[in-house]
Amino acid sequence: MTTAPLLAQERCWNDHAADQIQHERLIKAERLNERLAMLGFVALIATEDLLNQGLLHTFGF
């Protein structure tokens, strides 16, 4: 084989690997976002329980 098809094939595999890495990073970022959202929700419930009133009422709304 000549070098042109080999370079094209290598470029294709590099693009595929880059897409796969980007996908994995996106999954990790979404997982972190989900966990932080759950933590925030639990903190909200705990705050309401400690203050014996809703969050909006606490801020005067």
PDB file of N, CA and C in Angstrom:
ATOM      1  N   MET A   1       0.850  -1.187   0.000  1.00  0.00           N
ATOM      2  CA  MET A   1       0.000   0.000   0.000  1.00  0.00           C
ATOM      3  C   MET A   1       0.889   1.241   0.000  1.00  0.00           C
ATOM      4  N   THR A   2       0.337   2.271  -0.580  1.00  0.00           N
ATOM      5  CA  THR A   2       1.082   3.525  -0.590  1.00  0.00           C
ATOM      6  C   THR A   2       0.835   4.280   0.699  1.00  0.00           C
ATOM      7  N   THR A   3       1.557   5.346   0.886  1.00  0.00           N
ATOM      8  CA  THR A   3       1.449   6.080   2.141  1.00  0.00           C
ATOM      9  C   THR A   3       0.165   6.887   2.244  1.00  0.00           C
ATOM     10  N   ALA A   4      -0.424   7.314   1.131  1.00  0.00           N
ATOM     11  CA  ALA A   4      -1.647   8.129   1.188  1.00  0.00           C
ATOM     12  C   ALA A   4      -2.815   7.372   1.824  1.00  0.00           C
ATOM     13  N   PRO A   5      -3.097   6.129   1.393  1.00  0.00           N
ATOM     14  CA  PRO A   5      -4.186   5.403   2.066  1.00  0.00           C
ATOM     15  C   PRO A   5      -3.886   5.124   3.535  1.00  0.00           C
ATOM     16  N   LEU A   6      -2.635   4.875   3.861  1.00  0.00           N
ATOM     17  CA  LEU A   6      -2.279   4.628   5.256  1.00  0.00           C
ATOM     18  C   LEU A   6      -2.486   5.881   6.097  1.00  0.00           C
ATOM     19  N   LEU A   7      -2.122   7.028   5.572  1.00  0.00           N
ATOM     20  CA  LEU A   7      -2.324   8.279   6.296  1.00  0.00           C
ATOM     21  C   LEU A   7      -3.811   8.572   6.465  1.00  0.00           C
ATOM     22  N   ALA A   8      -4.601   8.283   5.440  1.00  0.00           N
ATOM     23  CA  ALA A   8      -6.044   8.502   5.530  1.00  0.00           C
ATOM     24  C   ALA A   8      -6.661   7.584   6.583  1.00  0.00           C
ATOM     25  N   GLN A   9      -6.210   6.334   6.598  1.00  0.00           N
ATOM     26  CA  GLN A   9      -6.722   5.389   7.583  1.00  0.00           C
ATOM     27  C   GLN A   9      -6.298   5.800   8.994  1.00  0.00           C
ATOM     28  N   GLU A  10      -5.059   6.249   9.140  1.00  0.00           N
ATOM     29  CA  GLU A  10      -4.586   6.696  10.450  1.00  0.00           C
ATOM     30  C   GLU A  10      -5.368   7.923  10.908  1.00  0.00           C
ATOM     31  N   ARG A  11      -5.645   8.841  10.003  1.00  0.00           N
ATOM     32  CA  ARG A  11      -6.427  10.028  10.335  1.00  0.00           C
ATOM     33  C   ARG A  11      -7.843   9.640  10.765  1.00  0.00           C
ATOM     34  N   CYS A  12      -8.405   8.655  10.093  1.00  0.00           N
ATOM     35  CA  CYS A  12      -9.748   8.176  10.447  1.00  0.00           C
ATOM     36  C   CYS A  12      -9.756   7.597  11.865  1.00  0.00           C
ATOM     37  N   TRP A  13      -8.747   6.771  12.188  1.00  0.00           N
ATOM     38  CA  TRP A  13      -8.679   6.177  13.518  1.00  0.00           C
ATOM     39  C   TRP A  13      -8.420   7.222  14.590  1.00  0.00           C
ATOM     40  N   ASN A  14      -7.603   8.225  14.275  1.00  0.00           N
ATOM     41  CA  ASN A  14      -7.348   9.308  15.232  1.00  0.00           C
ATOM     42  C   ASN A  14      -8.626  10.106  15.495  1.00  0.00           C
ATOM     43  N   ASP A  15      -9.387  10.366  14.447  1.00  0.00           N
ATOM     44  CA  ASP A  15     -10.662  11.078  14.619  1.00  0.00           C
ATOM     45  C   ASP A  15     -11.632  10.264  15.466  1.00  0.00           C
ATOM     46  N   HIS A  16     -11.664   8.970  15.213  1.00  0.00           N
ATOM     47  CA  HIS A  16     -12.546   8.093  15.986  1.00  0.00           C
ATOM     48  C   HIS A  16     -12.134   8.071  17.463  1.00  0.00           C
ATOM     49  N   ALA A  17     -10.834   7.999  17.725  1.00  0.00           N
ATOM     50  CA  ALA A  17     -10.344   8.001  19.103  1.00  0.00           C
ATOM     51  C   ALA A  17     -10.651   9.329  19.788  1.00  0.00           C
ATOM     52  N   ALA A  18     -10.491  10.437  19.080  1.00  0.00           N
ATOM     53  CA  ALA A  18     -10.793  11.750  19.654  1.00  0.00           C
ATOM     54  C   ALA A  18     -12.275  11.867  19.986  1.00  0.00           C
ATOM     55  N   ASP A  19     -13.134  11.357  19.114  1.00  0.00           N
ATOM     56  CA  ASP A  19     -14.573  11.376  19.383  1.00  0.00           C
ATOM     57  C   ASP A  19     -14.911  10.534  20.608  1.00  0.00           C
ATOM     58  N   GLN A  20     -14.273   9.394  20.741  1.00  0.00           N
ATOM     59  CA  GLN A  20     -14.529   8.515  21.874  1.00  0.00           C
ATOM     60  C   GLN A  20     -14.067   9.161  23.185  1.00  0.00           C
ATOM     61  N   ILE A  21     -12.912   9.822  23.173  1.00  0.00           N
ATOM     62  CA  ILE A  21     -12.415  10.512  24.362  1.00  0.00           C
ATOM     63  C   ILE A  21     -13.364  11.643  24.747  1.00  0.00           C
ATOM     64  N   GLN A  22     -13.831  12.407  23.752  1.00  0.00           N
ATOM     65  CA  GLN A  22     -14.766  13.502  24.018  1.00  0.00           C
ATOM     66  C   GLN A  22     -16.066  12.970  24.621  1.00  0.00           C
ATOM     67  N   HIS A  23     -16.541  11.840  24.120  1.00  0.00           N
ATOM     68  CA  HIS A  23     -17.772  11.234  24.638  1.00  0.00           C
ATOM     69  C   HIS A  23     -17.591  10.804  26.097  1.00  0.00           C
ATOM     70  N   GLU A  24     -16.445  10.202  26.403  1.00  0.00           N
ATOM     71  CA  GLU A  24     -16.184   9.765  27.774  1.00  0.00           C
ATOM     72  C   GLU A  24     -16.089  10.959  28.728  1.00  0.00           C
ATOM     73  N   ARG A  25     -15.470  12.048  28.276  1.00  0.00           N
ATOM     74  CA  ARG A  25     -15.391  13.251  29.109  1.00  0.00           C
ATOM     75  C   ARG A  25     -16.778  13.834  29.350  1.00  0.00           C
ATOM     76  N   LEU A  26     -17.625  13.810  28.343  1.00  0.00           N
ATOM     77  CA  LEU A  26     -18.988  14.312  28.487  1.00  0.00           C
ATOM     78  C   LEU A  26     -19.768  13.474  29.501  1.00  0.00           C
ATOM     79  N   ILE A  27     -19.597  12.178  29.458  1.00  0.00           N
ATOM     80  CA  ILE A  27     -20.270  11.291  30.410  1.00  0.00           C
ATOM     81  C   ILE A  27     -19.809  11.593  31.834  1.00  0.00           C
ATOM     82  N   LYS A  28     -18.497  11.793  32.021  1.00  0.00           N
ATOM     83  CA  LYS A  28     -17.974  12.105  33.356  1.00  0.00           C
ATOM     84  C   LYS A  28     -18.492  13.447  33.849  1.00  0.00           C
ATOM     85  N   ALA A  29     -18.572  14.432  32.963  1.00  0.00           N
ATOM     86  CA  ALA A  29     -19.076  15.748  33.350  1.00  0.00           C
ATOM     87  C   ALA A  29     -20.549  15.674  33.737  1.00  0.00           C
ATOM     88  N   GLU A  30     -21.335  14.919  32.985  1.00  0.00           N
ATOM     89  CA  GLU A  30     -22.757  14.765  33.309  1.00  0.00           C
ATOM     90  C   GLU A  30     -22.940  14.039  34.639  1.00  0.00           C
ATOM     91  N   ARG A  31     -22.123  13.038  34.895  1.00  0.00           N
ATOM     92  CA  ARG A  31     -22.215  12.297  36.155  1.00  0.00           C
ATOM     93  C   ARG A  31     -21.900  13.217  37.344  1.00  0.00           C
ATOM     94  N   LEU A  32     -20.880  14.062  37.189  1.00  0.00           N
ATOM     95  CA  LEU A  32     -20.547  15.018  38.236  1.00  0.00           C
ATOM     96  C   LEU A  32     -21.689  16.012  38.441  1.00  0.00           C
ATOM     97  N   ASN A  33     -22.276  16.490  37.352  1.00  0.00           N
ATOM     98  CA  ASN A  33     -23.396  17.417  37.436  1.00  0.00           C
ATOM     99  C   ASN A  33     -24.590  16.782  38.154  1.00  0.00           C
ATOM    100  N   GLU A  34     -24.881  15.551  37.845  1.00  0.00           N
ATOM    101  CA  GLU A  34     -25.985  14.842  38.507  1.00  0.00           C
ATOM    102  C   GLU A  34     -25.731  14.696  39.998  1.00  0.00           C
ATOM    103  N   ARG A  35     -24.511  14.350  40.362  1.00  0.00           N
ATOM    104  CA  ARG A  35     -24.186  14.165  41.780  1.00  0.00           C
ATOM    105  C   ARG A  35     -24.262  15.478  42.547  1.00  0.00           C
ATOM    106  N   LEU A  36     -23.792  16.561  41.940  1.00  0.00           N
ATOM    107  CA  LEU A  36     -23.871  17.860  42.602  1.00  0.00           C
ATOM    108  C   LEU A  36     -25.320  18.319  42.742  1.00  0.00           C
ATOM    109  N   ALA A  37     -26.148  18.025  41.758  1.00  0.00           N
ATOM    110  CA  ALA A  37     -27.560  18.381  41.849  1.00  0.00           C
ATOM    111  C   ALA A  37     -28.235  17.608  42.987  1.00  0.00           C
ATOM    112  N   MET A  38     -27.915  16.327  43.118  1.00  0.00           N
ATOM    113  CA  MET A  38     -28.482  15.538  44.218  1.00  0.00           C
ATOM    114  C   MET A  38     -28.009  16.065  45.568  1.00  0.00           C
ATOM    115  N   LEU A  39     -26.745  16.431  45.654  1.00  0.00           N
ATOM    116  CA  LEU A  39     -26.198  16.984  46.891  1.00  0.00           C
ATOM    117  C   LEU A  39     -26.891  18.305  47.242  1.00  0.00           C
ATOM    118  N   GLY A  40     -27.116  19.154  46.253  1.00  0.00           N
ATOM    119  CA  GLY A  40     -27.817  20.414  46.480  1.00  0.00           C
ATOM    120  C   GLY A  40     -29.242  20.194  46.945  1.00  0.00           C
ATOM    121  N   PHE A  41     -29.910  19.215  46.367  1.00  0.00           N
ATOM    122  CA  PHE A  41     -31.284  18.921  46.760  1.00  0.00           C
ATOM    123  C   PHE A  41     -31.340  18.432  48.212  1.00  0.00           C
ATOM    124  N   VAL A  42     -30.412  17.566  48.584  1.00  0.00           N
ATOM    125  CA  VAL A  42     -30.360  17.070  49.963  1.00  0.00           C
ATOM    126  C   VAL A  42     -30.053  18.222  50.918  1.00  0.00           C
ATOM    127  N   ALA A  43     -29.150  19.123  50.521  1.00  0.00           N
ATOM    128  CA  ALA A  43     -28.837  20.280  51.362  1.00  0.00           C
ATOM    129  C   ALA A  43     -30.069  21.175  51.526  1.00  0.00           C
ATOM    130  N   LEU A  44     -30.855  21.339  50.473  1.00  0.00           N
ATOM    131  CA  LEU A  44     -32.080  22.133  50.550  1.00  0.00           C
ATOM    132  C   LEU A  44     -33.069  21.510  51.531  1.00  0.00           C
ATOM    133  N   ILE A  45     -33.274  20.217  51.441  1.00  0.00           N
ATOM    134  CA  ILE A  45     -34.192  19.526  52.342  1.00  0.00           C
ATOM    135  C   ILE A  45     -33.697  19.631  53.785  1.00  0.00           C
ATOM    136  N   ALA A  46     -32.393  19.467  54.003  1.00  0.00           N
ATOM    137  CA  ALA A  46     -31.835  19.557  55.352  1.00  0.00           C
ATOM    138  C   ALA A  46     -31.980  20.974  55.914  1.00  0.00           C
ATOM    139  N   THR A  47     -31.783  21.980  55.075  1.00  0.00           N
ATOM    140  CA  THR A  47     -31.938  23.367  55.525  1.00  0.00           C
ATOM    141  C   THR A  47     -33.373  23.660  55.910  1.00  0.00           C
ATOM    142  N   GLU A  48     -34.301  23.215  55.091  1.00  0.00           N
ATOM    143  CA  GLU A  48     -35.715  23.422  55.418  1.00  0.00           C
ATOM    144  C   GLU A  48     -36.083  22.708  56.708  1.00  0.00           C
ATOM    145  N   ASP A  49     -35.519  21.539  56.928  1.00  0.00           N
ATOM    146  CA  ASP A  49     -35.822  20.794  58.151  1.00  0.00           C
ATOM    147  C   ASP A  49     -35.232  21.498  59.377  1.00  0.00           C
ATOM    148  N   LEU A  50     -34.022  22.009  59.258  1.00  0.00           N
ATOM    149  CA  LEU A  50     -33.387  22.695  60.392  1.00  0.00           C
ATOM    150  C   LEU A  50     -34.070  24.021  60.723  1.00  0.00           C
ATOM    151  N   LEU A  51     -34.521  24.746  59.689  1.00  0.00           N
ATOM    152  CA  LEU A  51     -35.137  26.052  59.909  1.00  0.00           C
ATOM    153  C   LEU A  51     -36.646  25.972  60.147  1.00  0.00           C
ATOM    154  N   ASN A  52     -37.215  24.805  59.943  1.00  0.00           N
ATOM    155  CA  ASN A  52     -38.652  24.581  60.102  1.00  0.00           C
ATOM    156  C   ASN A  52     -39.498  25.524  59.247  1.00  0.00           C
ATOM    157  N   GLN A  53     -38.965  25.912  58.094  1.00  0.00           N
ATOM    158  CA  GLN A  53     -39.722  26.718  57.145  1.00  0.00           C
ATOM    159  C   GLN A  53     -39.130  26.525  55.755  1.00  0.00           C
ATOM    160  N   GLY A  54     -39.904  26.873  54.742  1.00  0.00           N
ATOM    161  CA  GLY A  54     -39.446  26.716  53.378  1.00  0.00           C
ATOM    162  C   GLY A  54     -38.352  27.693  53.019  1.00  0.00           C
ATOM    163  N   LEU A  55     -37.655  27.396  51.948  1.00  0.00           N
ATOM    164  CA  LEU A  55     -36.538  28.238  51.536  1.00  0.00           C
ATOM    165  C   LEU A  55     -37.005  29.635  51.120  1.00  0.00           C
ATOM    166  N   LEU A  56     -38.092  29.726  50.376  1.00  0.00           N
ATOM    167  CA  LEU A  56     -38.591  31.035  49.947  1.00  0.00           C
ATOM    168  C   LEU A  56     -39.036  31.868  51.158  1.00  0.00           C
ATOM    169  N   HIS A  57     -39.633  31.230  52.110  1.00  0.00           N
ATOM    170  CA  HIS A  57     -40.064  31.938  53.323  1.00  0.00           C
ATOM    171  C   HIS A  57     -38.851  32.455  54.100  1.00  0.00           C
ATOM    172  N   THR A  58     -37.751  31.700  54.071  1.00  0.00           N
ATOM    173  CA  THR A  58     -36.520  32.087  54.748  1.00  0.00           C
ATOM    174  C   THR A  58     -35.974  33.384  54.160  1.00  0.00           C
ATOM    175  N   PHE A  59     -36.046  33.510  52.835  1.00  0.00           N
ATOM    176  CA  PHE A  59     -35.537  34.704  52.164  1.00  0.00           C
ATOM    177  C   PHE A  59     -36.555  35.831  52.099  1.00  0.00           C
ATOM    178  N   GLY A  60     -37.725  35.639  52.625  1.00  0.00           N
ATOM    179  CA  GLY A  60     -38.702  36.712  52.705  1.00  0.00           C
ATOM    180  C   GLY A  60     -39.635  36.840  51.529  1.00  0.00           C
ATOM    181  N   PHE A  61     -39.770  35.804  50.730  1.00  0.00           N
ATOM    182  CA  PHE A  61     -40.693  35.866  49.585  1.00  0.00           C
ATOM    183  C   PHE A  61     -42.049  35.302  49.962  1.00  0.00           C
TER     184      PHE A  61
END
